[in-house]
Protein backbone atom coordinates (compact mmCIF):
# COMPACT_ATOMS: atom_id res chain seq x y z
CA UNK A 1 -12.82 12.38 5.46
CA UNK A 2 -10.54 9.54 4.97
CA UNK A 3 -10.97 6.76 2.30
CA UNK A 4 -11.68 3.31 3.83
CA UNK A 5 -8.95 0.68 3.04
CA UNK A 6 -9.76 -1.79 0.16
CA UNK A 7 -7.60 -4.82 -0.37
CA UNK A 8 -7.19 -6.96 -3.41
CA UNK A 9 -9.34 -9.68 -2.05
CA UNK A 10 -12.21 -7.12 -1.71
CA UNK A 11 -12.16 -6.17 -5.35
CA UNK A 12 -14.83 -7.22 -7.85
CA UNK A 13 -14.68 -7.10 -11.62
CA UNK A 14 -15.99 -4.00 -13.33
CA UNK A 15 -15.72 -0.27 -12.65
CA UNK A 16 -14.47 0.64 -9.27
CA UNK A 17 -13.85 4.13 -7.60
CA UNK A 18 -11.97 2.65 -4.64
CA UNK A 19 -8.25 2.87 -4.01
CA UNK A 20 -6.13 -0.26 -3.09
CA UNK A 21 -3.22 -0.19 -0.67
CA UNK A 22 -0.28 -2.25 -1.85
CA UNK A 23 3.40 -2.52 -1.76
CA UNK A 24 5.21 -1.84 -5.05
CA UNK A 25 7.98 -4.55 -5.29
CA UNK A 26 9.22 -3.98 -8.90
CA UNK A 27 8.42 -1.53 -11.75
CA UNK A 28 9.49 -2.12 -15.34
CA UNK A 29 8.69 0.11 -18.27
CA UNK A 30 9.15 -0.36 -21.97
CA UNK A 31 9.96 2.70 -24.06
CA UNK A 32 10.11 2.97 -27.85
CA UNK A 33 13.46 4.57 -28.63
CA UNK A 34 12.51 5.04 -32.28
CA UNK A 35 9.72 7.35 -31.21
CA UNK A 36 11.66 9.54 -28.82
CA UNK A 37 11.37 7.35 -25.76
CA UNK A 38 7.50 7.07 -25.96
CA UNK A 39 6.26 4.76 -23.10
CA UNK A 40 4.75 1.59 -24.66
CA UNK A 41 3.78 -0.13 -21.44
CA UNK A 42 4.50 -0.55 -17.72
CA UNK A 43 4.58 -3.72 -15.62
CA UNK A 44 4.22 -3.60 -11.94
CA UNK A 45 4.56 -6.41 -9.25
CA UNK A 46 2.29 -5.52 -6.35
CA UNK A 47 1.76 -7.25 -3.00
CA UNK A 48 -1.45 -6.70 -0.97
CA UNK A 49 -0.47 -5.10 2.43
CA UNK A 50 -3.12 -7.35 4.01
CA UNK A 51 -1.20 -10.49 3.24
CA UNK A 52 1.68 -11.73 5.54
CA UNK A 53 4.47 -13.32 3.69
CA UNK A 54 6.82 -13.90 6.69
CA UNK A 55 6.20 -15.74 9.85
CA UNK A 56 7.54 -13.14 12.38
CA UNK A 57 7.95 -14.42 15.92
């Protein structure tokens, strides 16, 4: 059984068990070199696949 698609516009605040389909445009991670490269945080730039950014004719 497949999971139905959920887009960013469908999300509500609070707990959610749904998955969102998105394009990952950029990914940055910050590591603490003084602690053996421990990951401190990760930033991601995501685009909803339901949104059209280009007028393709």
